[in-house]
Amino acid sequence: MSNIIERFPMLCLNAQLKLQSFLDDESGDTNFISIIVVLGIALMVAGVFMGYKDQVIKQADTIIKSFVIK
């Protein structure tokens, strides 16, 4: 290992700088938070739909039956 460091010091320095940049970079945090917020909203909408699904299905059935020509 020490032989590689002695032969390619700039390569090792570049790798160390890239690793440090990867560990310190926080640019992806806002996207993660946005995903969590959108997921929470989708779950709330799904919960509301599950609570009122019988009423929604009955209303949709009534509307669809009004389109059918008798």
N, C-alpha and C. Protein backbone atom coordinates (compact mmCIF):
# COMPACT_ATOMS: atom_id res chain seq x y z
N MET A 1 0.83 -1.19 0.00
CA MET A 1 0.00 0.00 0.00
C MET A 1 0.87 1.25 0.00
N SER A 2 1.89 1.25 0.81
CA SER A 2 2.76 2.42 0.88
C SER A 2 3.51 2.61 -0.43
N ASN A 3 3.72 1.52 -1.16
CA ASN A 3 4.38 1.62 -2.45
C ASN A 3 3.50 2.37 -3.44
N ILE A 4 2.21 2.16 -3.41
CA ILE A 4 1.28 2.86 -4.30
C ILE A 4 1.27 4.35 -3.98
N ILE A 5 1.27 4.69 -2.70
CA ILE A 5 1.26 6.09 -2.28
C ILE A 5 2.54 6.78 -2.74
N GLU A 6 3.66 6.09 -2.64
CA GLU A 6 4.94 6.68 -3.06
C GLU A 6 5.00 6.83 -4.58
N ARG A 7 4.40 5.90 -5.31
CA ARG A 7 4.48 5.95 -6.77
C ARG A 7 3.46 6.92 -7.37
N PHE A 8 2.30 7.04 -6.76
CA PHE A 8 1.24 7.88 -7.32
C PHE A 8 0.68 8.83 -6.26
N PRO A 9 1.45 9.79 -5.80
CA PRO A 9 0.95 10.66 -4.73
C PRO A 9 -0.23 11.54 -5.16
N MET A 10 -0.23 12.01 -6.41
CA MET A 10 -1.33 12.86 -6.86
C MET A 10 -2.63 12.05 -6.99
N LEU A 11 -2.53 10.79 -7.41
CA LEU A 11 -3.71 9.95 -7.52
C LEU A 11 -4.33 9.72 -6.15
N CYS A 12 -3.51 9.47 -5.16
CA CYS A 12 -4.01 9.25 -3.80
C CYS A 12 -4.61 10.53 -3.23
N LEU A 13 -3.99 11.67 -3.51
CA LEU A 13 -4.51 12.94 -3.03
C LEU A 13 -5.87 13.23 -3.67
N ASN A 14 -5.97 12.97 -4.97
CA ASN A 14 -7.22 13.19 -5.68
C ASN A 14 -8.33 12.29 -5.13
N ALA A 15 -8.00 11.02 -4.87
CA ALA A 15 -8.98 10.10 -4.31
C ALA A 15 -9.42 10.54 -2.93
N GLN A 16 -8.50 11.03 -2.13
CA GLN A 16 -8.83 11.49 -0.79
C GLN A 16 -9.74 12.73 -0.85
N LEU A 17 -9.46 13.64 -1.77
CA LEU A 17 -10.29 14.83 -1.91
C LEU A 17 -11.70 14.47 -2.38
N LYS A 18 -11.82 13.54 -3.32
CA LYS A 18 -13.13 13.13 -3.80
C LYS A 18 -13.93 12.43 -2.70
N LEU A 19 -13.27 11.60 -1.90
CA LEU A 19 -13.95 10.93 -0.80
C LEU A 19 -14.44 11.95 0.22
N GLN A 20 -13.62 12.92 0.54
CA GLN A 20 -14.01 13.95 1.50
C GLN A 20 -15.18 14.78 0.96
N SER A 21 -15.13 15.09 -0.34
CA SER A 21 -16.23 15.84 -0.96
C SER A 21 -17.52 15.03 -0.92
N PHE A 22 -17.44 13.73 -1.17
CA PHE A 22 -18.63 12.87 -1.12
C PHE A 22 -19.23 12.83 0.28
N LEU A 23 -18.38 12.76 1.29
CA LEU A 23 -18.87 12.67 2.66
C LEU A 23 -19.44 14.00 3.16
N ASP A 24 -18.94 15.11 2.65
CA ASP A 24 -19.38 16.42 3.13
C ASP A 24 -20.52 17.02 2.31
N ASP A 25 -20.77 16.52 1.11
CA ASP A 25 -21.78 17.10 0.23
C ASP A 25 -23.18 16.80 0.75
N GLU A 26 -24.04 17.82 0.84
CA GLU A 26 -25.40 17.67 1.36
C GLU A 26 -26.45 18.12 0.36
N SER A 27 -26.12 18.12 -0.91
CA SER A 27 -27.05 18.65 -1.91
C SER A 27 -28.26 17.75 -2.12
N GLY A 28 -28.22 16.48 -1.77
CA GLY A 28 -29.34 15.58 -1.99
C GLY A 28 -30.36 15.58 -0.87
N ASP A 29 -30.12 16.28 0.22
CA ASP A 29 -31.02 16.25 1.36
C ASP A 29 -32.37 16.87 1.05
N THR A 30 -32.43 17.93 0.29
CA THR A 30 -33.70 18.58 0.01
C THR A 30 -34.58 17.68 -0.86
N ASN A 31 -33.98 16.93 -1.79
CA ASN A 31 -34.77 16.01 -2.60
C ASN A 31 -35.37 14.91 -1.74
N PHE A 32 -34.63 14.42 -0.78
CA PHE A 32 -35.11 13.38 0.12
C PHE A 32 -36.30 13.89 0.93
N ILE A 33 -36.20 15.10 1.42
CA ILE A 33 -37.28 15.69 2.21
C ILE A 33 -38.52 15.90 1.33
N SER A 34 -38.32 16.33 0.09
CA SER A 34 -39.45 16.51 -0.82
C SER A 34 -40.16 15.19 -1.09
N ILE A 35 -39.40 14.13 -1.25
CA ILE A 35 -40.00 12.81 -1.49
C ILE A 35 -40.82 12.38 -0.29
N ILE A 36 -40.31 12.60 0.90
CA ILE A 36 -41.03 12.24 2.12
C ILE A 36 -42.34 13.03 2.23
N VAL A 37 -42.31 14.33 1.92
CA VAL A 37 -43.51 15.16 2.00
C VAL A 37 -44.55 14.70 0.98
N VAL A 38 -44.13 14.44 -0.26
CA VAL A 38 -45.07 13.97 -1.29
C VAL A 38 -45.64 12.61 -0.92
N LEU A 39 -44.82 11.74 -0.37
CA LEU A 39 -45.30 10.43 0.06
C LEU A 39 -46.33 10.57 1.18
N GLY A 40 -46.09 11.47 2.11
CA GLY A 40 -47.05 11.71 3.19
C GLY A 40 -48.38 12.22 2.67
N ILE A 41 -48.34 13.13 1.71
CA ILE A 41 -49.58 13.64 1.12
C ILE A 41 -50.33 12.53 0.39
N ALA A 42 -49.60 11.70 -0.36
CA ALA A 42 -50.24 10.59 -1.08
C ALA A 42 -50.89 9.61 -0.10
N LEU A 43 -50.23 9.35 1.02
CA LEU A 43 -50.81 8.45 2.01
C LEU A 43 -52.06 9.04 2.65
N MET A 44 -52.06 10.34 2.89
CA MET A 44 -53.26 10.98 3.45
C MET A 44 -54.42 10.92 2.47
N VAL A 45 -54.16 11.18 1.19
CA VAL A 45 -55.22 11.11 0.18
C VAL A 45 -55.75 9.69 0.09
N ALA A 46 -54.85 8.71 0.13
CA ALA A 46 -55.29 7.31 0.08
C ALA A 46 -56.13 6.97 1.31
N GLY A 47 -55.76 7.48 2.47
CA GLY A 47 -56.54 7.24 3.68
C GLY A 47 -57.92 7.84 3.60
N VAL A 48 -58.02 9.04 3.07
CA VAL A 48 -59.33 9.67 2.91
C VAL A 48 -60.17 8.87 1.92
N PHE A 49 -59.56 8.43 0.83
CA PHE A 49 -60.30 7.64 -0.15
C PHE A 49 -60.78 6.34 0.46
N MET A 50 -59.94 5.69 1.26
CA MET A 50 -60.35 4.43 1.88
C MET A 50 -61.50 4.65 2.85
N GLY A 51 -61.54 5.79 3.50
CA GLY A 51 -62.62 6.09 4.43
C GLY A 51 -63.94 6.34 3.74
N TYR A 52 -63.89 6.94 2.55
CA TYR A 52 -65.11 7.30 1.83
C TYR A 52 -65.30 6.47 0.56
N LYS A 53 -64.63 5.33 0.44
CA LYS A 53 -64.66 4.59 -0.82
C LYS A 53 -66.06 4.10 -1.18
N ASP A 54 -66.86 3.68 -0.20
CA ASP A 54 -68.20 3.21 -0.51
C ASP A 54 -69.06 4.32 -1.09
N GLN A 55 -68.95 5.51 -0.51
CA GLN A 55 -69.71 6.65 -1.02
C GLN A 55 -69.23 7.05 -2.42
N VAL A 56 -67.91 7.02 -2.64
CA VAL A 56 -67.35 7.38 -3.94
C VAL A 56 -67.79 6.38 -5.00
N ILE A 57 -67.74 5.10 -4.67
CA ILE A 57 -68.14 4.07 -5.63
C ILE A 57 -69.63 4.17 -5.94
N LYS A 58 -70.44 4.43 -4.93
CA LYS A 58 -71.89 4.56 -5.15
C LYS A 58 -72.18 5.77 -6.04
N GLN A 59 -71.50 6.88 -5.80
CA GLN A 59 -71.69 8.09 -6.60
C GLN A 59 -71.24 7.84 -8.05
N ALA A 60 -70.10 7.19 -8.22
CA ALA A 60 -69.61 6.90 -9.57
C ALA A 60 -70.54 5.94 -10.29
N ASP A 61 -71.07 4.96 -9.58
CA ASP A 61 -72.02 4.02 -10.18
C ASP A 61 -73.27 4.74 -10.66
N THR A 62 -73.76 5.67 -9.86
CA THR A 62 -74.94 6.45 -10.25
C THR A 62 -74.66 7.27 -11.50
N ILE A 63 -73.51 7.90 -11.55
CA ILE A 63 -73.14 8.73 -12.71
C ILE A 63 -72.98 7.86 -13.95
N ILE A 64 -72.34 6.71 -13.81
CA ILE A 64 -72.12 5.83 -14.96
C ILE A 64 -73.45 5.28 -15.47
N LYS A 65 -74.34 4.93 -14.57
CA LYS A 65 -75.66 4.43 -14.99
C LYS A 65 -76.47 5.49 -15.69
N SER A 66 -76.26 6.76 -15.40
CA SER A 66 -77.00 7.82 -16.09
C SER A 66 -76.54 7.98 -17.53
N PHE A 67 -75.34 7.52 -17.88
CA PHE A 67 -74.83 7.61 -19.25
C PHE A 67 -75.35 6.46 -20.13
N VAL A 68 -75.76 5.40 -19.51
CA VAL A 68 -76.20 4.23 -20.27
C VAL A 68 -77.55 4.53 -20.92
N ILE A 69 -77.62 4.24 -22.21
CA ILE A 69 -78.88 4.46 -22.94
C ILE A 69 -79.77 3.25 -22.71
N LYS A 70 -80.99 3.50 -22.30
CA LYS A 70 -81.92 2.42 -22.01
C LYS A 70 -82.83 2.17 -23.18
